[in-house]
Protein backbone atom coordinates (compact mmCIF):
# COMPACT_ATOMS: atom_id res chain seq x y z
CA MET A 1 98.91 66.65 80.31
CA LYS A 2 95.90 67.41 82.50
CA THR A 3 92.53 65.74 82.77
CA VAL A 4 89.56 67.10 84.73
CA LEU A 5 86.92 64.67 85.88
CA GLY A 6 83.61 65.76 87.44
CA SER A 7 80.97 63.77 89.27
CA GLY A 8 77.95 64.26 91.49
CA CYS A 9 76.88 62.14 94.45
CA SER A 10 73.33 61.26 95.31
CA PRO A 11 72.32 59.17 98.34
CA THR A 12 70.49 55.91 97.77
CA SER A 13 68.49 56.51 100.95
CA GLU A 14 67.88 59.97 102.38
CA GLU A 15 71.42 60.60 103.64
CA GLU A 16 74.38 58.88 105.29
CA GLU A 17 73.79 56.03 107.73
CA SER A 18 73.59 57.06 111.37
CA MET A 19 76.36 54.77 112.62
CA CYS A 20 78.87 56.14 110.09
CA LEU A 21 78.08 59.66 111.21
CA VAL A 22 78.38 58.75 114.88
CA GLY A 23 81.82 57.30 114.17
CA LEU A 24 82.90 60.47 112.39
CA LEU A 25 81.59 62.62 115.24
CA ASP A 26 83.54 60.57 117.77
CA ASN A 27 86.76 61.47 115.92
CA LEU A 28 86.13 65.21 116.31
CA LYS A 29 87.90 66.99 119.13
CA TYR A 30 85.16 69.46 119.96
CA HIS A 31 83.04 70.54 122.92
CA SER A 32 81.57 67.41 124.47
CA ASN A 33 78.08 68.85 124.97
CA THR A 34 77.84 69.73 121.27
CA LEU A 35 79.05 66.29 120.18
CA GLU A 36 76.72 64.52 122.59
CA THR A 37 73.78 66.57 121.30
CA LEU A 38 74.57 65.68 117.68
CA ILE A 39 75.05 62.00 118.52
CA ASP A 40 71.75 62.01 120.43
CA ILE A 41 70.02 63.44 117.34
CA LEU A 42 71.22 60.40 115.38
CA SER A 43 70.44 57.76 118.02
CA ASN A 44 67.19 55.97 118.92
CA ARG A 45 64.99 58.35 117.01
CA LYS A 46 61.28 57.98 116.37
CA VAL A 47 59.00 59.89 114.02
CA ALA A 48 55.42 60.51 115.11
CA ILE A 49 52.43 61.71 113.09
CA ASN A 50 48.96 62.36 114.48
CA THR A 51 46.32 60.52 112.48
CA SER A 52 42.56 60.07 112.83
CA GLN A 53 43.26 56.71 114.49
CA GLY A 54 45.76 58.25 116.90
CA PRO A 55 49.51 58.89 116.77
CA ALA A 56 51.55 56.69 114.44
CA THR A 57 55.26 56.18 115.20
CA TRP A 58 58.13 54.39 113.55
CA ASN A 59 61.88 54.23 113.95
CA GLN A 60 64.03 56.66 111.97
CA GLN A 61 67.24 54.99 110.79
CA GLN A 62 68.55 57.42 108.18
CA GLY A 63 71.27 59.92 109.05
CA CYS A 64 69.22 63.05 108.42
CA PRO A 65 66.31 63.88 106.12
CA GLN A 66 67.01 66.01 103.08
CA GLY A 67 66.25 69.66 103.73
CA SER A 68 67.10 69.49 107.42
CA CYS A 69 69.20 72.23 109.02
CA THR A 70 71.86 69.74 110.11
CA GLY A 71 72.10 68.05 106.71
CA PRO A 72 74.90 70.22 105.24
CA THR A 73 76.98 69.86 108.42
CA PHE A 74 76.67 66.08 108.49
CA TRP A 75 77.44 65.93 104.77
CA ASN A 76 80.61 67.97 105.31
CA LEU A 77 81.77 65.43 107.88
CA VAL A 78 81.29 62.60 105.40
CA ALA A 79 82.84 64.47 102.45
CA ASP A 80 85.84 65.49 104.54
CA GLU A 81 86.71 61.83 104.98
CA VAL A 82 87.50 61.40 101.27
CA LEU A 83 88.97 64.89 100.87
CA GLN A 84 91.56 64.08 103.54
CA GLN A 85 92.73 60.95 101.73
CA ASP A 86 96.46 60.76 101.00
CA TRP A 87 96.14 61.17 97.23
CA PRO A 88 99.23 60.42 95.09
CA GLN A 89 101.20 63.17 93.41
CA GLY A 90 99.39 64.52 90.37
CA VAL A 91 95.92 63.96 91.86
CA TYR A 92 93.86 66.79 93.32
CA LEU A 93 90.26 66.52 94.57
CA GLN A 94 87.93 69.49 95.01
CA ALA A 95 84.34 69.42 96.25
CA PHE A 96 81.44 71.82 96.52
CA ALA A 97 78.37 70.36 98.22
CA ASP A 98 77.86 66.99 96.47
CA ASP A 99 79.79 67.92 93.30
CA PHE A 100 83.34 66.51 93.15
CA VAL A 101 86.08 67.36 90.65
CA PHE A 102 89.32 65.42 90.17
CA LEU A 103 92.34 67.00 88.47
CA PHE A 104 94.94 64.54 87.15
CA ASN A 105 98.32 65.82 85.96
CA ALA A 106 100.93 63.51 84.43
CA GLY A 107 103.51 63.37 81.64
CA SER A 108 101.72 60.88 79.40
CA LYS A 109 98.25 59.62 78.55
CA GLN A 110 98.93 56.22 80.08
CA GLU A 111 100.04 57.79 83.36
CA VAL A 112 96.91 59.93 83.44
CA LYS A 113 94.77 56.84 82.84
CA ASN A 114 96.49 54.88 85.62
CA LEU A 115 96.26 57.78 88.09
CA ALA A 116 92.60 58.35 87.31
CA ASN A 117 91.50 54.73 87.59
CA LYS A 118 93.41 54.23 90.83
CA ALA A 119 91.96 57.40 92.38
CA LEU A 120 88.44 56.55 91.23
CA GLN A 121 88.69 53.12 92.81
CA THR A 122 89.53 54.77 96.14
CA PHE A 123 86.66 57.19 95.64
CA LYS A 124 84.28 54.33 94.84
CA THR A 125 85.27 52.55 98.04
CA TRP A 126 84.23 55.64 99.96
CA THR A 127 80.89 55.97 98.13
CA ASP A 128 80.11 52.28 98.71
CA LYS A 129 80.91 52.64 102.42
CA HIS A 130 78.35 55.42 102.81
CA LYS A 131 75.85 53.96 100.33
CA LEU A 132 76.17 56.87 97.91
CA GLU A 133 75.31 56.47 94.26
CA ILE A 134 77.18 58.11 91.38
CA SER A 135 75.03 58.76 88.33
CA LEU A 136 76.87 57.87 85.11
CA ASP A 137 74.96 60.67 83.38
CA LYS A 138 76.68 63.17 85.66
CA ILE A 139 80.23 61.87 85.47
CA TYR A 140 82.53 62.91 82.62
CA TYR A 141 86.09 63.99 81.91
CA LEU A 142 87.73 66.89 80.13
CA HIS A 143 91.11 66.38 78.47
CA ILE A 144 93.43 69.42 78.54
CA ASN A 145 96.52 69.13 76.34
CA LYS A 146 98.97 71.67 74.94
CA ASN A 147 98.75 69.88 71.59
CA ARG A 148 95.35 71.32 70.74
CA SER A 149 95.42 70.16 67.15
CA GLY A 150 96.10 66.52 68.07
CA PRO A 151 93.57 63.71 67.75
CA ILE A 152 90.79 63.28 70.28
CA TRP A 153 91.90 61.03 73.14
CA TYR A 154 89.45 58.48 74.48
CA SER A 155 91.11 57.75 77.79
CA GLY A 156 89.66 54.44 78.98
CA ILE A 157 88.97 55.94 82.42
CA LYS A 158 86.32 53.83 84.09
CA TRP A 159 83.83 54.03 86.91
CA GLY A 160 83.46 50.43 87.96
CA GLN A 161 83.02 48.56 84.68
CA ASN A 162 81.69 51.54 82.73
CA ASN A 163 83.69 53.92 80.55
CA ILE A 164 83.40 57.57 81.48
CA LYS A 165 82.29 59.82 78.63
CA ARG A 166 84.42 62.65 77.31
CA GLU A 167 83.21 66.26 77.05
CA SER A 168 84.80 69.27 75.36
CA VAL A 169 83.10 71.68 77.81
CA ILE A 170 82.08 71.09 81.41
CA LYS A 171 80.17 73.38 83.74
CA TYR A 172 81.29 73.68 87.34
CA LEU A 173 79.81 76.20 89.78
CA GLY A 174 78.40 78.27 86.95
CA VAL A 175 81.65 78.52 84.95
CA LEU A 176 82.01 76.76 81.58
CA ILE A 177 85.50 75.23 81.25
CA ASP A 178 86.57 74.16 77.77
CA ASP A 179 89.39 71.81 76.76
CA LYS A 180 91.44 74.72 75.35
CA LEU A 181 91.11 76.82 78.51
CA ASN A 182 90.29 79.95 76.50
CA PHE A 183 86.81 80.17 78.09
CA SER A 184 85.20 81.02 74.78
CA ALA A 185 82.18 78.88 75.68
CA HIS A 186 81.79 80.74 78.97
CA LEU A 187 81.94 84.14 77.30
CA SER A 188 79.43 83.02 74.68
CA ALA A 189 77.09 81.96 77.49
CA ILE A 190 77.59 85.36 79.15
CA LYS A 191 76.68 87.08 75.90
CA ASN A 192 73.49 85.01 75.55
CA LYS A 193 72.49 85.83 79.14
CA SER A 194 73.16 89.52 78.57
CA LEU A 195 71.00 89.51 75.42
CA ILE A 196 68.12 88.05 77.41
CA LEU A 197 68.59 90.71 80.10
CA HIS A 198 68.78 93.44 77.47
CA GLN A 199 65.59 92.26 75.82
CA GLY A 200 63.83 92.33 79.18
CA LEU A 201 65.09 95.86 79.74
CA LYS A 202 63.88 96.96 76.30
CA ASN A 203 60.39 95.66 77.14
CA VAL A 204 60.05 98.17 79.98
CA THR A 205 61.93 101.15 78.61
CA GLY A 206 62.67 103.04 75.41
CA THR A 207 64.62 106.09 74.28
CA SER A 208 61.89 108.47 75.45
CA TRP A 209 59.60 106.42 77.69
CA GLY A 210 59.65 103.90 80.54
CA LEU A 211 62.23 103.73 83.29
CA SER A 212 64.38 106.77 83.90
CA LYS A 213 67.98 106.90 82.75
CA ASN A 214 69.30 106.69 86.32
CA ILE A 215 67.28 103.55 87.06
CA ARG A 216 68.48 101.91 83.83
CA ARG A 217 72.08 102.68 84.77
CA GLN A 218 71.52 101.29 88.27
CA LEU A 219 70.00 98.11 86.85
CA TYR A 220 73.04 97.68 84.65
CA LEU A 221 75.43 98.05 87.61
CA THR A 222 73.51 95.86 90.05
CA VAL A 223 72.22 93.14 87.72
CA VAL A 224 73.97 93.00 84.36
CA GLU A 225 77.52 93.61 85.57
CA LYS A 226 77.07 91.08 88.39
CA VAL A 227 76.10 88.42 85.82
CA ILE A 228 79.00 89.27 83.51
CA LEU A 229 81.57 89.52 86.30
CA TYR A 230 80.58 86.26 87.97
CA ASP A 231 83.74 84.51 89.23
CA PRO A 232 86.23 86.46 87.11
CA ALA A 233 89.18 84.82 88.91
CA ALA A 234 88.40 81.61 87.03
CA TRP A 235 88.48 83.01 83.50
CA ALA A 236 89.76 86.60 83.37
CA HIS A 237 93.48 86.27 84.10
CA ASN A 238 94.61 87.02 80.55
CA ILE A 239 91.99 88.87 78.53
CA THR A 240 92.70 88.53 74.81
CA ALA A 241 91.89 91.17 72.19
CA ARG A 242 89.03 89.01 70.96
CA GLN A 243 87.57 88.66 74.46
CA GLN A 244 87.99 92.38 75.03
CA LYS A 245 86.02 93.10 71.87
CA LEU A 246 83.26 90.69 72.93
CA LEU A 247 82.97 92.30 76.37
CA SER A 248 82.84 95.74 74.75
CA SER A 249 80.01 94.66 72.43
CA ILE A 250 78.05 93.28 75.41
CA GLN A 251 78.45 96.54 77.32
CA ARG A 252 77.60 98.65 74.28
CA THR A 253 74.05 97.28 73.97
CA PHE A 254 73.24 98.45 77.50
CA LEU A 255 74.98 101.80 77.04
CA LEU A 256 72.77 102.48 74.03
CA ASN A 257 69.69 101.66 76.09
CA ILE A 258 70.82 103.86 78.98
CA THR A 259 71.69 106.92 76.88
CA GLY A 260 69.19 106.62 74.04
CA ALA A 261 71.91 107.82 71.67
CA TYR A 262 72.42 106.94 68.02
CA ASN A 263 73.70 103.44 67.24
CA THR A 264 76.81 104.86 65.55
CA THR A 265 78.01 106.65 68.69
CA PRO A 266 81.47 105.35 69.83
CA THR A 267 81.44 103.00 72.81
CA ALA A 268 84.38 104.83 74.41
CA ALA A 269 82.35 108.05 74.46
CA PHE A 270 79.41 106.28 76.12
CA GLN A 271 81.66 104.88 78.84
CA VAL A 272 83.14 108.28 79.72
CA ILE A 273 79.82 110.13 79.67
CA GLU A 274 78.10 107.56 81.89
CA GLY A 275 81.13 106.92 84.12
CA LEU A 276 81.02 103.18 83.42
CA MET A 277 84.42 101.53 83.33
CA PRO A 278 85.18 99.34 80.29
CA LEU A 279 84.37 95.74 81.13
CA HIS A 280 87.77 94.31 80.19
CA ILE A 281 89.39 96.61 82.79
CA LYS A 282 86.79 96.00 85.47
CA VAL A 283 86.84 92.24 85.05
CA LYS A 284 90.62 92.22 85.44
CA MET A 285 90.35 94.34 88.58
CA GLN A 286 87.72 92.05 90.08
CA SER A 287 89.75 88.99 89.12
CA THR A 288 92.79 90.33 90.97
CA LEU A 289 90.73 91.20 94.05
CA VAL A 290 88.98 87.82 94.25
CA ASP A 291 92.10 85.82 93.46
CA TRP A 292 94.32 87.71 95.87
CA TRP A 293 91.97 88.36 98.78
CA TYR A 294 89.51 85.48 98.92
CA ARG A 295 91.35 82.48 97.46
CA LEU A 296 95.07 82.24 96.99
CA GLY A 297 96.26 84.59 99.70
CA ARG A 298 99.58 85.39 98.06
CA ASN A 299 101.49 88.37 96.69
CA CYS A 300 100.38 89.67 93.31
CA ASP A 301 101.04 92.36 90.71
CA TYR A 302 98.45 94.58 89.08
CA GLU A 303 99.22 97.22 86.46
CA GLY A 304 102.91 97.01 87.36
CA ILE A 305 102.36 97.54 91.11
CA HIS A 306 103.36 94.83 93.59
CA PHE A 307 100.96 94.03 96.44
CA ASP A 308 102.43 92.31 99.50
CA HIS A 309 99.89 89.97 101.06
CA GLU A 310 101.33 90.42 104.56
CA SER A 311 100.66 94.17 104.49
CA TYR A 312 96.89 93.76 104.44
CA GLU A 313 94.43 92.66 107.10
CA GLN A 314 93.28 89.07 106.72
CA PRO A 315 90.07 87.56 108.11
CA SER A 316 90.83 85.79 111.38
CA PRO A 317 89.62 82.22 112.02
CA PRO A 318 86.35 81.89 113.95
CA SER A 319 86.57 82.27 117.69
CA THR A 320 87.23 79.08 119.68
CA ILE A 321 85.17 80.39 122.60
CA HIS A 322 82.05 78.38 123.34
CA PRO A 323 78.95 80.51 122.60
CA ALA A 324 77.63 79.87 126.10
CA LEU A 325 80.75 81.51 127.55
CA PHE A 326 80.57 84.56 125.28
CA SER A 327 78.91 86.80 127.89
CA LEU A 328 79.34 90.35 126.55
CA GLU A 329 75.74 91.16 125.67
CA ASP A 330 74.94 92.76 129.06
CA ARG A 331 78.29 94.51 129.42
CA ILE A 332 78.27 96.50 126.18
CA THR A 333 75.47 99.00 125.58
CA HIS A 334 74.88 101.22 122.57
CA GLY A 335 72.15 103.05 120.68
CA GLY A 336 71.57 105.67 123.40
CA GLN A 337 71.65 103.23 126.33
CA VAL A 338 74.09 103.82 129.17
CA PRO A 339 75.61 101.42 131.70
CA SER A 340 73.36 101.12 134.72
CA ASN A 341 76.17 101.87 137.18
CA ARG A 342 78.63 104.77 137.04
CA THR A 343 82.14 104.10 138.33
CA PRO A 344 84.87 106.32 139.84
CA ILE A 345 87.14 105.30 136.95
CA GLU A 346 85.98 106.06 133.43
CA VAL A 347 87.74 106.09 130.06
CA TYR A 348 86.75 107.95 126.90
CA THR A 349 88.09 106.69 123.56
CA TYR A 350 88.22 108.34 120.17
CA GLY A 351 89.51 107.76 116.65
CA SER A 352 90.06 110.48 114.05
CA LYS A 353 90.91 110.75 110.38
CA ILE A 354 91.81 114.28 109.37
CA ASN A 355 93.87 115.65 106.47
CA ASP A 356 94.46 112.07 105.30
CA GLN A 357 96.06 111.24 108.66
CA THR A 358 94.72 108.70 111.17
CA GLY A 359 94.96 108.92 114.96
CA SER A 360 93.68 107.04 117.99
CA ALA A 361 93.46 108.11 121.65
CA PHE A 362 91.85 107.56 125.03
CA CYS A 363 91.51 109.74 128.13
CA PHE A 364 91.39 108.24 131.65
CA ILE A 365 89.48 110.06 134.39
CA ALA A 366 89.48 109.12 138.09
CA ASN A 367 87.44 111.02 140.66
CA GLU A 368 86.64 113.67 138.02
CA ALA A 369 90.32 114.35 137.32
CA ILE A 370 92.23 113.40 134.19
CA THR A 371 95.11 111.19 135.28
CA LYS A 372 96.23 109.48 132.06
CA THR A 373 96.10 110.01 128.31
CA TRP A 374 97.22 107.80 125.44
CA LYS A 375 97.76 108.68 121.77
CA ALA A 376 98.73 106.55 118.76
CA LYS A 377 99.41 107.52 115.14
CA LEU A 378 98.33 105.06 112.46
CA SER A 379 99.13 104.90 108.78
CA PRO A 380 97.08 107.21 106.53
CA SER A 381 95.93 104.02 104.80
CA ASN A 382 94.29 102.62 107.96
CA ALA A 383 90.52 102.91 108.26
CA MET A 384 88.53 104.91 110.79
CA PHE A 385 87.16 101.68 112.25
CA GLN A 386 90.68 100.47 112.95
CA ALA A 387 91.48 103.72 114.78
CA GLU A 388 88.32 103.44 116.90
CA MET A 389 88.94 99.77 117.67
CA LEU A 390 92.61 100.35 118.53
CA ALA A 391 91.59 103.01 121.09
CA LEU A 392 89.02 100.64 122.60
CA LYS A 393 91.51 97.77 122.70
CA ALA A 394 94.18 99.93 124.37
CA ALA A 395 91.64 101.21 126.90
CA ILE A 396 90.41 97.69 127.67
CA GLU A 397 93.96 96.41 128.17
CA TRP A 398 94.76 99.30 130.49
CA ALA A 399 91.49 98.84 132.44
CA ASN A 400 92.36 95.16 132.85
CA THR A 401 95.32 96.19 135.03
CA ALA A 402 93.32 98.63 137.20
CA ASN A 403 91.74 95.93 139.37
CA GLU A 404 88.63 98.11 139.75
CA ASP A 405 85.28 98.63 138.10
CA VAL A 406 85.83 100.65 134.92
CA ASN A 407 83.41 102.17 132.40
CA ILE A 408 84.77 102.75 128.88
CA TRP A 409 82.90 105.17 126.65
CA SER A 410 82.99 105.48 122.85
CA ASP A 411 80.95 107.39 120.30
CA SER A 412 81.55 104.61 117.72
CA GLU A 413 78.39 102.53 117.82
CA TYR A 414 79.69 100.29 115.03
CA SER A 415 82.80 99.39 117.05
CA LEU A 416 80.71 98.54 120.11
CA GLN A 417 78.43 96.34 118.01
CA ALA A 418 81.52 94.57 116.61
CA LEU A 419 82.74 93.83 120.16
CA LYS A 420 79.35 92.26 120.97
CA SER A 421 79.39 90.09 117.86
CA PHE A 422 80.40 86.44 118.22
CA ASN A 423 81.15 86.04 114.50
CA VAL A 424 83.54 88.97 114.08
CA LYS A 425 86.58 88.28 111.83
CA SER A 426 88.78 91.22 112.80
CA LYS A 427 91.88 90.14 114.72
CA ILE A 428 92.14 93.33 116.78
CA THR A 429 88.45 93.01 117.75
CA GLN A 430 88.89 89.38 118.79
CA GLU A 431 91.88 90.31 120.97
CA ALA A 432 89.80 93.02 122.70
CA GLN A 433 86.99 90.51 123.24
CA MET A 434 89.34 88.01 124.88
CA THR A 435 90.55 90.64 127.36
CA LEU A 436 86.95 91.64 128.14
CA LEU A 437 85.97 88.03 128.82
CA GLU A 438 88.82 87.73 131.31
CA ASN A 439 87.64 90.69 133.37
CA ALA A 440 83.95 91.10 134.20
CA ARG A 441 84.60 94.45 135.92
CA ILE A 442 84.99 96.27 132.60
CA ARG A 443 81.86 97.67 130.96
CA LEU A 444 81.46 99.63 127.73
CA GLY A 445 78.88 102.18 126.68
CA TRP A 446 78.00 104.56 123.86
CA VAL A 447 78.13 108.33 124.21
CA LYS A 448 76.90 110.80 121.64
CA ALA A 449 79.68 112.92 120.12
CA HIS A 450 79.90 116.73 120.21
CA ILE A 451 77.16 117.38 122.76
CA GLY A 452 79.35 119.16 125.28
CA ILE A 453 80.77 116.26 127.29
CA LYS A 454 84.10 117.78 128.29
CA VAL A 455 86.15 114.60 128.67
CA ASN A 456 84.86 113.21 125.38
CA GLU A 457 85.87 116.45 123.63
CA ILE A 458 89.33 116.12 125.19
CA ALA A 459 89.61 112.58 123.82
CA ASP A 460 88.55 113.93 120.41
CA ASN A 461 91.28 116.58 120.50
CA LEU A 462 93.84 113.98 121.62
CA SER A 463 93.00 111.74 118.66
CA LYS A 464 93.46 114.70 116.30
CA GLU A 465 96.80 115.49 117.90
CA ALA A 466 97.73 111.82 117.54
CA THR A 467 97.61 112.18 113.74
CA THR A 468 100.83 114.21 114.00
CA ASN A 469 102.59 113.33 117.27
CA GLY A 470 101.12 110.06 118.51
CA ILE A 471 103.06 106.89 119.28
CA PRO A 472 103.54 105.05 115.94
CA ALA A 473 101.17 102.08 115.73
CA SER A 474 101.41 99.48 112.99
CA LEU A 475 98.22 97.82 111.79
CA PRO A 476 97.70 95.96 108.50
CA PHE A 477 95.85 97.86 105.81
CA PRO A 478 92.11 97.16 105.52
CA LYS A 479 90.40 95.55 102.56
CA SER A 480 88.84 98.89 101.67
CA PHE A 481 92.31 100.34 101.04
CA LEU A 482 93.15 97.49 98.67
CA LYS A 483 89.93 98.12 96.75
CA LYS A 484 90.76 101.82 96.57
CA GLN A 485 94.25 101.09 95.21
CA LEU A 486 92.94 98.69 92.56
CA LEU A 487 90.26 101.19 91.56
CA GLN A 488 92.81 104.01 91.17
CA LEU A 489 95.09 101.82 89.04
CA SER A 490 92.12 100.74 86.91
CA LEU A 491 91.06 104.36 86.41
CA SER A 492 94.63 105.20 85.38
CA ARG A 493 94.55 102.45 82.77
CA TRP A 494 91.17 103.65 81.54
CA GLN A 495 92.57 107.19 81.29
CA ALA A 496 95.52 105.95 79.23
CA GLU A 497 93.17 104.14 76.84
CA TRP A 498 90.95 107.22 76.58
CA ASP A 499 93.97 109.42 75.82
CA ASN A 500 95.08 107.12 73.00
CA CYS A 501 91.65 106.16 71.68
CA GLU A 502 90.95 106.94 68.02
CA THR A 503 87.21 107.37 68.49
CA GLY A 504 85.13 109.78 70.57
CA ARG A 505 87.53 112.71 70.01
CA SER A 506 84.73 115.27 70.03
CA VAL A 507 83.81 114.12 73.55
CA TYR A 508 87.49 114.04 74.54
CA SER A 509 87.76 117.75 73.77
CA ILE A 510 85.01 118.33 76.37
CA ILE A 511 85.90 115.60 78.90
CA PRO A 512 89.64 114.89 78.73
CA LYS A 513 89.72 113.36 82.22
CA ILE A 514 87.67 110.23 82.94
CA SER A 515 85.73 109.53 86.14
CA ASN A 516 83.53 106.74 87.42
CA LYS A 517 80.79 109.27 88.16
CA GLN A 518 77.84 109.88 85.87
CA LEU A 519 77.62 113.26 84.11
CA HIS A 520 73.78 113.25 83.92
CA TRP A 521 73.71 114.49 80.35
CA SER A 522 70.41 114.41 78.50
CA ARG A 523 69.93 112.48 75.26
CA GLU A 524 70.13 115.71 73.27
CA CYS A 525 73.35 116.80 75.00
CA ILE A 526 74.95 113.43 74.22
CA GLN A 527 73.98 113.76 70.56
CA PHE A 528 75.45 117.25 70.40
CA ALA A 529 78.71 116.35 72.21
CA THR A 530 79.32 113.18 70.18
CA ASP A 531 78.28 114.80 66.87
CA HIS A 532 76.02 111.79 66.30
CA GLY A 533 72.55 113.23 65.90
CA PRO A 534 70.11 114.81 63.42
CA PHE A 535 72.76 117.15 62.04
CA PRO A 536 73.48 117.74 58.34
CA THR A 537 77.16 116.88 58.77
CA TYR A 538 76.25 113.57 60.41
CA LEU A 539 73.56 112.73 57.85
CA LYS A 540 75.91 113.46 54.93
CA ARG A 541 78.74 111.45 56.49
CA PHE A 542 76.53 108.36 56.62
CA GLY A 543 75.01 108.89 53.17
CA LEU A 544 71.63 110.01 54.46
CA HIS A 545 71.85 113.54 53.08
CA SER A 546 73.29 115.04 49.90
CA THR A 547 74.81 118.10 51.55
CA ASP A 548 76.13 119.07 54.96
CA CYS A 549 74.42 122.47 54.83
CA CYS A 550 71.29 123.10 56.80
CA GLY A 551 68.16 124.46 55.13
CA VAL A 552 68.59 127.94 56.61
CA GLY A 553 72.03 128.31 55.01
CA LYS A 554 70.78 127.86 51.43
């Protein structure tokens, strides 16, 4: 038996008290100058306003005013205190900003009640400590039970001396969660939102006037689909036939508006002609991507294919280097700039992707003579950026052992910008940055490709050779490769459904193979291909004409 309980905190004064925040800051093991600055912000503060009678000042005692830049950071410190509590088994606490959700899991109703009341008492102690107020209008619980036909359970869960009200549907972060976990309420809300969007689109376009067909399709992809596919990992794990039908009906209204075709035209034909994947397939694909990549970080299966989490590149934690010590801005130039000083030792790096093979190389020149080359062969699934960055990393590591001033040249402006960035999340880039910070004698610069620089052309040829005979290099696959795999599997499933579909057979005879690219057919071409238009056979089939012969044939 599971019970979900949601609540929202609101401060009785502007925010947390200063002394509580100072105590929390003291417990952080962070750079002393940063901590001292934050503590100084909270200590002995005065607010001054210029008035007609002169400046007016008063002491500021509250932790931080609402709307301040530091407010979210200070709030996270306070919220982390309760999130790190040693909660008993069966109790899980989740927070987003000032919205908290408890999940209680136990074998009986009485155990759920005891767990909930005990946890809420601990939570109330924390809110009282920081003078936070919980509004009873914003606190409620949702009872989830396998026995869906059983009587309604009024739990007796209390906040202080007040009973907490029960809801059959709660909204958290834009997702409606119902007590049966079938997300029917959420899908109904999606349908209502889509109808509003469709009505707005109809106000500015028609079958033969208004926005062009391409703009309508783009609006559907960038606006409508984003609304429908919001947080699919929460609700789209197991799409039922009923949900699939609902999603298809939502998509159909927009397909009719985009194409201007007859209302009787099959939805499957619309989807193939416009290159728009059925929503039930796309939502499952997005759910897998979000769930696997952004949240759970574990192995998963999609369309019968197993995806090993360890095989793919994961975002690295933020750098622990203090920003003041991150001094690469003046040592990496790009965008046509060149290092101000030329050195006897220079290195040219290159990455190539040719014939679905990926290679990486650098060429070392000393006193205008090539003295060293390096080549590495990557997996065909690795990205061009990874090849470029691997060459730069290898060149930087080699230059670190030279004990001389070294210039490293690359035609990849994006890679050089990544090396200059403090917030980069690529592990290989962070490792290259660490080596650069250890040796101030290494400088990097951008060189334009294919303009006749001999050594750069040699590095280019080496990287192409590396695709076949380079030293094997193992790098995790990029996120783009995962997206490509999921897309290909989704297209295969769409193709299977199109092959076995009972409708749209006239279009199937013309387009047997699906694609996610638009065909750019006119309204008249769609009517002709689908056989849904002002034709005698169509009019007779739907009882609008007495014969399927045209007037000329009489």
